[in-house]
């Protein structure tokens, strides 16, 4: 299984800090945010990774991560020349994934407690499809929210005014290699971007979208408060 870490974006909600540095390099506890995504991949047994980021920050990432040796992984770098959405960033990794391979995708600002090893192993054994990870939250209207019918995701609604459930779709995804065909079929959203929710809904429409529940804490460290809270949680727990 290949691992894809998406670490682009402009970090609008974290300005002014992100005026000078990519948000995934901001400190969380003792380490830059990106450190934890690499460690989660390594813990899951995934050792061949691609990190996709913007050209402005590529040098800083290579300076900190290098080849990935400190984590026991091999890191390749992909460059997203301009903002085009999460699905567009994922599409950059197509040449990194061989036909028939599975892939785990992490958004670099997602910080969480659970191990992904069991879910990765289960997904590796299944024929194909996609899997998302859900977390029960008090404010689902801030996220992509799954509509569940008889234990199955029938669709995901992005930032709904009236959420169909109390779960958020986190930035952790598992896909088969057909995901790149799905991405090529997408049309830009009203924001002019290729949306990962549209990718997941294509799998849901085909009856090929499964899910796992996160039991431990989770946050998308995209705001000043969530960044601070994540640092407090991780301070003292970090491992190299």
C-alpha atoms as a PDB file:
ATOM      1  CA  UNK A   1       0.000   0.000   0.000  1.00  0.00           C
ATOM      2  CA  UNK A   2       1.257   3.480  -0.882  1.00  0.00           C
ATOM      3  CA  UNK A   3       0.828   6.513   1.353  1.00  0.00           C
ATOM      4  CA  UNK A   4      -0.084  10.002   0.139  1.00  0.00           C
ATOM      5  CA  UNK A   5       0.174  13.010   2.466  1.00  0.00           C
ATOM      6  CA  UNK A   6      -1.423  16.203   1.191  1.00  0.00           C
ATOM      7  CA  UNK A   7       0.234  19.298   2.606  1.00  0.00           C
ATOM      8  CA  UNK A   8      -0.672  22.153   0.294  1.00  0.00           C
ATOM      9  CA  UNK A   9      -3.243  24.871   0.760  1.00  0.00           C
ATOM     10  CA  UNK A  10      -2.927  28.478   1.822  1.00  0.00           C
ATOM     11  CA  UNK A  11      -3.840  28.137   5.508  1.00  0.00           C
ATOM     12  CA  UNK A  12      -6.246  31.070   5.390  1.00  0.00           C
ATOM     13  CA  UNK A  13      -7.748  30.365   8.810  1.00  0.00           C
ATOM     14  CA  UNK A  14      -4.301  30.344  10.450  1.00  0.00           C
ATOM     15  CA  UNK A  15      -3.146  33.721   9.213  1.00  0.00           C
ATOM     16  CA  UNK A  16      -1.006  35.669   9.972  1.00  0.00           C
ATOM     17  CA  UNK A  17       1.207  32.698  10.909  1.00  0.00           C
ATOM     18  CA  UNK A  18       0.742  31.169   7.486  1.00  0.00           C
ATOM     19  CA  UNK A  19       1.793  34.371   5.751  1.00  0.00           C
ATOM     20  CA  UNK A  20       5.362  33.175   6.175  1.00  0.00           C
ATOM     21  CA  UNK A  21       5.190  29.372   6.465  1.00  0.00           C
ATOM     22  CA  UNK A  22       3.032  26.509   5.219  1.00  0.00           C
ATOM     23  CA  UNK A  23       0.583  25.483   7.947  1.00  0.00           C
ATOM     24  CA  UNK A  24       1.762  21.864   7.982  1.00  0.00           C
ATOM     25  CA  UNK A  25       5.169  23.066   9.171  1.00  0.00           C
ATOM     26  CA  UNK A  26       3.754  24.978  12.145  1.00  0.00           C
ATOM     27  CA  UNK A  27       4.765  23.503  15.528  1.00  0.00           C
ATOM     28  CA  UNK A  28       2.372  21.164  17.319  1.00  0.00           C
ATOM     29  CA  UNK A  29       3.924  20.178  20.616  1.00  0.00           C
ATOM     30  CA  UNK A  30       7.600  19.474  19.969  1.00  0.00           C
ATOM     31  CA  UNK A  31       7.389  18.794  16.245  1.00  0.00           C
ATOM     32  CA  UNK A  32       6.106  20.346  13.026  1.00  0.00           C
ATOM     33  CA  UNK A  33       2.561  19.265  12.203  1.00  0.00           C
ATOM     34  CA  UNK A  34       3.708  17.149   9.237  1.00  0.00           C
ATOM     35  CA  UNK A  35       5.773  14.939  11.560  1.00  0.00           C
ATOM     36  CA  UNK A  36       2.682  13.229  12.912  1.00  0.00           C
ATOM     37  CA  UNK A  37       1.197  12.303   9.527  1.00  0.00           C
ATOM     38  CA  UNK A  38       4.439  10.581   8.536  1.00  0.00           C
ATOM     39  CA  UNK A  39       4.549   8.767  11.866  1.00  0.00           C
ATOM     40  CA  UNK A  40       0.954   7.543  11.494  1.00  0.00           C
ATOM     41  CA  UNK A  41       1.787   6.134   8.057  1.00  0.00           C
ATOM     42  CA  UNK A  42       4.883   4.385   9.415  1.00  0.00           C
ATOM     43  CA  UNK A  43       2.914   2.939  12.355  1.00  0.00           C
ATOM     44  CA  UNK A  44       0.405   1.507   9.865  1.00  0.00           C
ATOM     45  CA  UNK A  45       3.234  -0.291   8.062  1.00  0.00           C
ATOM     46  CA  UNK A  46       3.183   2.005   5.018  1.00  0.00           C
ATOM     47  CA  UNK A  47       6.744   2.860   4.061  1.00  0.00           C
ATOM     48  CA  UNK A  48       6.529   4.298   0.541  1.00  0.00           C
ATOM     49  CA  UNK A  49       5.110   7.797   0.772  1.00  0.00           C
ATOM     50  CA  UNK A  50       4.522  10.791  -1.469  1.00  0.00           C
ATOM     51  CA  UNK A  51       4.144  14.233   0.059  1.00  0.00           C
ATOM     52  CA  UNK A  52       2.270  16.699  -2.150  1.00  0.00           C
ATOM     53  CA  UNK A  53       2.769  20.387  -1.423  1.00  0.00           C
ATOM     54  CA  UNK A  54       3.037  23.763  -3.139  1.00  0.00           C
ATOM     55  CA  UNK A  55       6.257  24.862  -4.797  1.00  0.00           C
ATOM     56  CA  UNK A  56       6.759  27.710  -2.328  1.00  0.00           C
ATOM     57  CA  UNK A  57       7.333  25.317   0.600  1.00  0.00           C
ATOM     58  CA  UNK A  58       8.978  22.319  -1.059  1.00  0.00           C
ATOM     59  CA  UNK A  59      12.482  23.240   0.070  1.00  0.00           C
ATOM     60  CA  UNK A  60      11.454  23.504   3.723  1.00  0.00           C
ATOM     61  CA  UNK A  61       9.872  20.055   3.597  1.00  0.00           C
ATOM     62  CA  UNK A  62      12.915  18.416   2.061  1.00  0.00           C
ATOM     63  CA  UNK A  63      15.085  20.132   4.687  1.00  0.00           C
ATOM     64  CA  UNK A  64      13.043  18.664   7.554  1.00  0.00           C
ATOM     65  CA  UNK A  65      11.962  15.294   6.142  1.00  0.00           C
ATOM     66  CA  UNK A  66      14.744  14.482   3.697  1.00  0.00           C
ATOM     67  CA  UNK A  67      14.369  10.940   2.406  1.00  0.00           C
ATOM     68  CA  UNK A  68      12.189   9.925   5.364  1.00  0.00           C
ATOM     69  CA  UNK A  69      14.916   7.819   6.985  1.00  0.00           C
ATOM     70  CA  UNK A  70      14.250   9.004  10.576  1.00  0.00           C
ATOM     71  CA  UNK A  71      10.751   7.477  10.315  1.00  0.00           C
ATOM     72  CA  UNK A  72      11.880   4.327   8.493  1.00  0.00           C
ATOM     73  CA  UNK A  73      10.050   5.348   5.300  1.00  0.00           C
ATOM     74  CA  UNK A  74      10.932   6.499   1.788  1.00  0.00           C
ATOM     75  CA  UNK A  75       9.481   9.870   0.816  1.00  0.00           C
ATOM     76  CA  UNK A  76       8.917  11.145  -2.709  1.00  0.00           C
ATOM     77  CA  UNK A  77       7.759  14.705  -3.323  1.00  0.00           C
ATOM     78  CA  UNK A  78       4.989  15.923  -5.616  1.00  0.00           C
ATOM     79  CA  UNK A  79       4.425  19.596  -6.440  1.00  0.00           C
ATOM     80  CA  UNK A  80       1.010  21.219  -6.839  1.00  0.00           C
ATOM     81  CA  UNK A  81       1.828  24.320  -8.889  1.00  0.00           C
ATOM     82  CA  UNK A  82      -1.422  26.075  -8.049  1.00  0.00           C
ATOM     83  CA  UNK A  83      -4.398  25.530  -5.783  1.00  0.00           C
ATOM     84  CA  UNK A  84      -6.871  23.127  -7.372  1.00  0.00           C
ATOM     85  CA  UNK A  85      -8.485  21.303  -4.484  1.00  0.00           C
ATOM     86  CA  UNK A  86      -7.758  18.163  -2.498  1.00  0.00           C
ATOM     87  CA  UNK A  87      -8.772  15.815  -5.306  1.00  0.00           C
ATOM     88  CA  UNK A  88      -6.504  17.702  -7.714  1.00  0.00           C
ATOM     89  CA  UNK A  89      -3.591  17.339  -5.274  1.00  0.00           C
ATOM     90  CA  UNK A  90      -4.275  13.617  -4.967  1.00  0.00           C
ATOM     91  CA  UNK A  91      -4.279  13.292  -8.749  1.00  0.00           C
ATOM     92  CA  UNK A  92      -0.649  14.444  -8.784  1.00  0.00           C
ATOM     93  CA  UNK A  93       0.277  11.145  -7.115  1.00  0.00           C
ATOM     94  CA  UNK A  94      -1.086   8.982  -9.952  1.00  0.00           C
ATOM     95  CA  UNK A  95       2.350   8.110 -11.351  1.00  0.00           C
ATOM     96  CA  UNK A  96       3.435   7.054  -7.852  1.00  0.00           C
ATOM     97  CA  UNK A  97       0.747   4.354  -7.558  1.00  0.00           C
ATOM     98  CA  UNK A  98       0.812   1.265  -9.762  1.00  0.00           C
ATOM     99  CA  UNK A  99      -2.443  -0.133 -11.199  1.00  0.00           C
ATOM    100  CA  UNK A 100      -4.007  -2.461  -8.658  1.00  0.00           C
ATOM    101  CA  UNK A 101      -2.246  -0.908  -5.667  1.00  0.00           C
ATOM    102  CA  UNK A 102      -4.156   0.490  -2.712  1.00  0.00           C
ATOM    103  CA  UNK A 103      -3.390   3.851  -1.155  1.00  0.00           C
ATOM    104  CA  UNK A 104      -3.894   5.653   2.126  1.00  0.00           C
ATOM    105  CA  UNK A 105      -4.407   9.420   1.939  1.00  0.00           C
ATOM    106  CA  UNK A 106      -3.934  11.763   4.898  1.00  0.00           C
ATOM    107  CA  UNK A 107      -4.597  15.472   4.986  1.00  0.00           C
ATOM    108  CA  UNK A 108      -1.553  16.817   6.776  1.00  0.00           C
ATOM    109  CA  UNK A 109      -3.553  18.980   9.198  1.00  0.00           C
ATOM    110  CA  UNK A 110      -5.495  16.024  10.605  1.00  0.00           C
ATOM    111  CA  UNK A 111      -4.149  14.994  13.998  1.00  0.00           C
ATOM    112  CA  UNK A 112      -5.611  11.995  15.773  1.00  0.00           C
ATOM    113  CA  UNK A 113      -5.050   9.285  18.369  1.00  0.00           C
ATOM    114  CA  UNK A 114      -6.143   6.044  16.669  1.00  0.00           C
ATOM    115  CA  UNK A 115      -3.787   3.653  14.939  1.00  0.00           C
ATOM    116  CA  UNK A 116      -4.637   3.047  11.279  1.00  0.00           C
ATOM    117  CA  UNK A 117      -2.872  -0.295  11.019  1.00  0.00           C
ATOM    118  CA  UNK A 118      -5.898  -2.588  11.423  1.00  0.00           C
ATOM    119  CA  UNK A 119      -8.039  -0.606   8.981  1.00  0.00           C
ATOM    120  CA  UNK A 120      -5.202  -0.535   6.447  1.00  0.00           C
ATOM    121  CA  UNK A 121      -4.730  -4.289   6.712  1.00  0.00           C
ATOM    122  CA  UNK A 122      -8.458  -4.930   6.310  1.00  0.00           C
ATOM    123  CA  UNK A 123      -8.668  -2.645   3.295  1.00  0.00           C
ATOM    124  CA  UNK A 124      -5.641  -4.276   1.718  1.00  0.00           C
ATOM    125  CA  UNK A 125      -7.448  -7.618   1.814  1.00  0.00           C
ATOM    126  CA  UNK A 126     -10.707  -6.389   0.282  1.00  0.00           C
ATOM    127  CA  UNK A 127     -11.243  -6.357  -3.455  1.00  0.00           C
ATOM    128  CA  UNK A 128     -11.405  -2.605  -3.974  1.00  0.00           C
ATOM    129  CA  UNK A 129     -13.485   0.480  -3.352  1.00  0.00           C
ATOM    130  CA  UNK A 130     -12.885   3.253  -0.851  1.00  0.00           C
ATOM    131  CA  UNK A 131     -13.092   3.806   2.888  1.00  0.00           C
ATOM    132  CA  UNK A 132     -13.479   6.989   4.922  1.00  0.00           C
ATOM    133  CA  UNK A 133     -13.004   7.521   8.639  1.00  0.00           C
ATOM    134  CA  UNK A 134     -15.794   9.103  10.672  1.00  0.00           C
ATOM    135  CA  UNK A 135     -15.771  10.876  14.021  1.00  0.00           C
ATOM    136  CA  UNK A 136     -18.801  11.900  16.067  1.00  0.00           C
ATOM    137  CA  UNK A 137     -18.729  15.676  16.616  1.00  0.00           C
ATOM    138  CA  UNK A 138     -20.892  18.342  18.226  1.00  0.00           C
ATOM    139  CA  UNK A 139     -20.700  20.683  15.232  1.00  0.00           C
ATOM    140  CA  UNK A 140     -21.097  18.533  12.100  1.00  0.00           C
ATOM    141  CA  UNK A 141     -22.184  21.536  10.016  1.00  0.00           C
ATOM    142  CA  UNK A 142     -18.484  22.516   9.809  1.00  0.00           C
ATOM    143  CA  UNK A 143     -17.560  19.342   7.934  1.00  0.00           C
ATOM    144  CA  UNK A 144     -18.493  16.895   5.260  1.00  0.00           C
ATOM    145  CA  UNK A 145     -21.290  14.843   6.851  1.00  0.00           C
ATOM    146  CA  UNK A 146     -22.338  11.303   5.870  1.00  0.00           C
ATOM    147  CA  UNK A 147     -25.942  10.332   5.357  1.00  0.00           C
ATOM    148  CA  UNK A 148     -26.246   6.789   6.689  1.00  0.00           C
ATOM    149  CA  UNK A 149     -28.980   4.384   5.627  1.00  0.00           C
ATOM    150  CA  UNK A 150     -28.968   0.850   7.063  1.00  0.00           C
ATOM    151  CA  UNK A 151     -25.354   1.269   8.107  1.00  0.00           C
ATOM    152  CA  UNK A 152     -24.203   2.372   4.667  1.00  0.00           C
ATOM    153  CA  UNK A 153     -23.073   5.795   3.476  1.00  0.00           C
ATOM    154  CA  UNK A 154     -25.406   6.826   0.669  1.00  0.00           C
ATOM    155  CA  UNK A 155     -23.896  10.291   0.230  1.00  0.00           C
ATOM    156  CA  UNK A 156     -21.735  12.916   1.902  1.00  0.00           C
ATOM    157  CA  UNK A 157     -23.029  16.482   2.230  1.00  0.00           C
ATOM    158  CA  UNK A 158     -20.453  19.256   2.550  1.00  0.00           C
ATOM    159  CA  UNK A 159     -21.017  21.735   5.405  1.00  0.00           C
ATOM    160  CA  UNK A 160     -24.812  21.201   5.502  1.00  0.00           C
ATOM    161  CA  UNK A 161     -27.135  23.631   7.231  1.00  0.00           C
ATOM    162  CA  UNK A 162     -29.140  20.632   8.462  1.00  0.00           C
ATOM    163  CA  UNK A 163     -26.658  17.757   8.948  1.00  0.00           C
ATOM    164  CA  UNK A 164     -28.064  14.280   8.191  1.00  0.00           C
ATOM    165  CA  UNK A 165     -25.957  12.779  11.023  1.00  0.00           C
ATOM    166  CA  UNK A 166     -23.666  13.797  13.879  1.00  0.00           C
ATOM    167  CA  UNK A 167     -20.524  12.481  12.192  1.00  0.00           C
ATOM    168  CA  UNK A 168     -17.728  14.289  10.392  1.00  0.00           C
ATOM    169  CA  UNK A 169     -15.790  12.756   7.530  1.00  0.00           C
ATOM    170  CA  UNK A 170     -12.190  13.173   8.628  1.00  0.00           C
ATOM    171  CA  UNK A 171      -9.219  13.758   6.360  1.00  0.00           C
ATOM    172  CA  UNK A 172      -8.204  10.093   6.329  1.00  0.00           C
ATOM    173  CA  UNK A 173      -9.070   8.036   3.250  1.00  0.00           C
ATOM    174  CA  UNK A 174      -8.340   4.640   1.720  1.00  0.00           C
ATOM    175  CA  UNK A 175      -8.740   4.085  -2.031  1.00  0.00           C
ATOM    176  CA  UNK A 176      -8.096   1.578  -4.745  1.00  0.00           C
ATOM    177  CA  UNK A 177      -6.151   2.779  -7.782  1.00  0.00           C
ATOM    178  CA  UNK A 178      -9.399   3.484  -9.642  1.00  0.00           C
ATOM    179  CA  UNK A 179      -9.547   6.733  -7.663  1.00  0.00           C
ATOM    180  CA  UNK A 180      -7.491   8.420 -10.389  1.00  0.00           C
ATOM    181  CA  UNK A 181     -10.105   7.526 -13.000  1.00  0.00           C
ATOM    182  CA  UNK A 182     -12.735   9.032 -10.703  1.00  0.00           C
ATOM    183  CA  UNK A 183     -10.701  12.234 -10.336  1.00  0.00           C
ATOM    184  CA  UNK A 184     -10.378  12.589 -14.099  1.00  0.00           C
ATOM    185  CA  UNK A 185     -14.177  12.407 -14.396  1.00  0.00           C
ATOM    186  CA  UNK A 186     -14.784  15.284 -11.966  1.00  0.00           C
ATOM    187  CA  UNK A 187     -15.860  18.783 -12.844  1.00  0.00           C
ATOM    188  CA  UNK A 188     -14.649  21.754 -10.759  1.00  0.00           C
ATOM    189  CA  UNK A 189     -16.971  22.910  -8.002  1.00  0.00           C
ATOM    190  CA  UNK A 190     -18.290  26.430  -7.635  1.00  0.00           C
ATOM    191  CA  UNK A 191     -14.971  27.196  -5.917  1.00  0.00           C
ATOM    192  CA  UNK A 192     -13.172  26.163  -9.089  1.00  0.00           C
ATOM    193  CA  UNK A 193     -11.615  23.150  -7.385  1.00  0.00           C
ATOM    194  CA  UNK A 194     -11.811  19.370  -7.635  1.00  0.00           C
ATOM    195  CA  UNK A 195     -13.453  18.263  -4.411  1.00  0.00           C
ATOM    196  CA  UNK A 196     -12.587  15.122  -2.444  1.00  0.00           C
ATOM    197  CA  UNK A 197     -16.252  14.899  -1.360  1.00  0.00           C
ATOM    198  CA  UNK A 198     -17.175  14.374  -5.015  1.00  0.00           C
ATOM    199  CA  UNK A 199     -14.652  11.538  -5.204  1.00  0.00           C
ATOM    200  CA  UNK A 200     -16.154   9.877  -2.135  1.00  0.00           C
ATOM    201  CA  UNK A 201     -19.689  10.366  -3.412  1.00  0.00           C
ATOM    202  CA  UNK A 202     -18.770   8.645  -6.683  1.00  0.00           C
ATOM    203  CA  UNK A 203     -17.736   5.582  -4.671  1.00  0.00           C
ATOM    204  CA  UNK A 204     -20.892   5.887  -2.516  1.00  0.00           C
ATOM    205  CA  UNK A 205     -23.104   5.984  -5.615  1.00  0.00           C
ATOM    206  CA  UNK A 206     -21.446   2.785  -6.816  1.00  0.00           C
ATOM    207  CA  UNK A 207     -22.009   1.111  -3.432  1.00  0.00           C
ATOM    208  CA  UNK A 208     -18.242   0.919  -2.873  1.00  0.00           C
ATOM    209  CA  UNK A 209     -17.745   3.309   0.051  1.00  0.00           C
ATOM    210  CA  UNK A 210     -17.206   1.783   3.481  1.00  0.00           C
ATOM    211  CA  UNK A 211     -16.205   3.496   6.710  1.00  0.00           C
ATOM    212  CA  UNK A 212     -14.404   3.107  10.015  1.00  0.00           C
ATOM    213  CA  UNK A 213     -15.093   5.006  13.240  1.00  0.00           C
ATOM    214  CA  UNK A 214     -12.352   6.828  15.121  1.00  0.00           C
ATOM    215  CA  UNK A 215     -12.635   6.129  18.844  1.00  0.00           C
ATOM    216  CA  UNK A 216      -9.884   8.433  20.131  1.00  0.00           C
ATOM    217  CA  UNK A 217      -9.493  12.181  19.838  1.00  0.00           C
ATOM    218  CA  UNK A 218      -9.255  13.847  16.427  1.00  0.00           C
ATOM    219  CA  UNK A 219      -8.882  17.395  15.170  1.00  0.00           C
ATOM    220  CA  UNK A 220      -8.220  19.190  11.936  1.00  0.00           C
ATOM    221  CA  UNK A 221      -5.653  21.690  13.173  1.00  0.00           C
ATOM    222  CA  UNK A 222      -6.751  24.399  10.767  1.00  0.00           C
ATOM    223  CA  UNK A 223      -7.711  27.099  13.274  1.00  0.00           C
ATOM    224  CA  UNK A 224      -5.727  28.830  16.003  1.00  0.00           C
ATOM    225  CA  UNK A 225      -7.800  27.161  18.739  1.00  0.00           C
ATOM    226  CA  UNK A 226      -7.614  23.629  17.292  1.00  0.00           C
ATOM    227  CA  UNK A 227      -3.866  24.052  16.689  1.00  0.00           C
ATOM    228  CA  UNK A 228      -3.362  25.057  20.317  1.00  0.00           C
ATOM    229  CA  UNK A 229      -5.549  22.210  21.617  1.00  0.00           C
ATOM    230  CA  UNK A 230      -3.668  19.663  19.496  1.00  0.00           C
ATOM    231  CA  UNK A 231      -0.361  20.921  20.863  1.00  0.00           C
ATOM    232  CA  UNK A 232      -1.595  20.529  24.428  1.00  0.00           C
ATOM    233  CA  UNK A 233      -2.773  16.975  23.729  1.00  0.00           C
ATOM    234  CA  UNK A 234       0.495  15.953  22.099  1.00  0.00           C
ATOM    235  CA  UNK A 235       2.933  17.711  24.389  1.00  0.00           C
ATOM    236  CA  UNK A 236       4.819  15.083  26.334  1.00  0.00           C
ATOM    237  CA  UNK A 237       3.448  12.187  24.252  1.00  0.00           C
ATOM    238  CA  UNK A 238       5.655  12.672  21.210  1.00  0.00           C
ATOM    239  CA  UNK A 239       8.072  10.092  19.971  1.00  0.00           C
ATOM    240  CA  UNK A 240      10.805  10.821  17.418  1.00  0.00           C
END
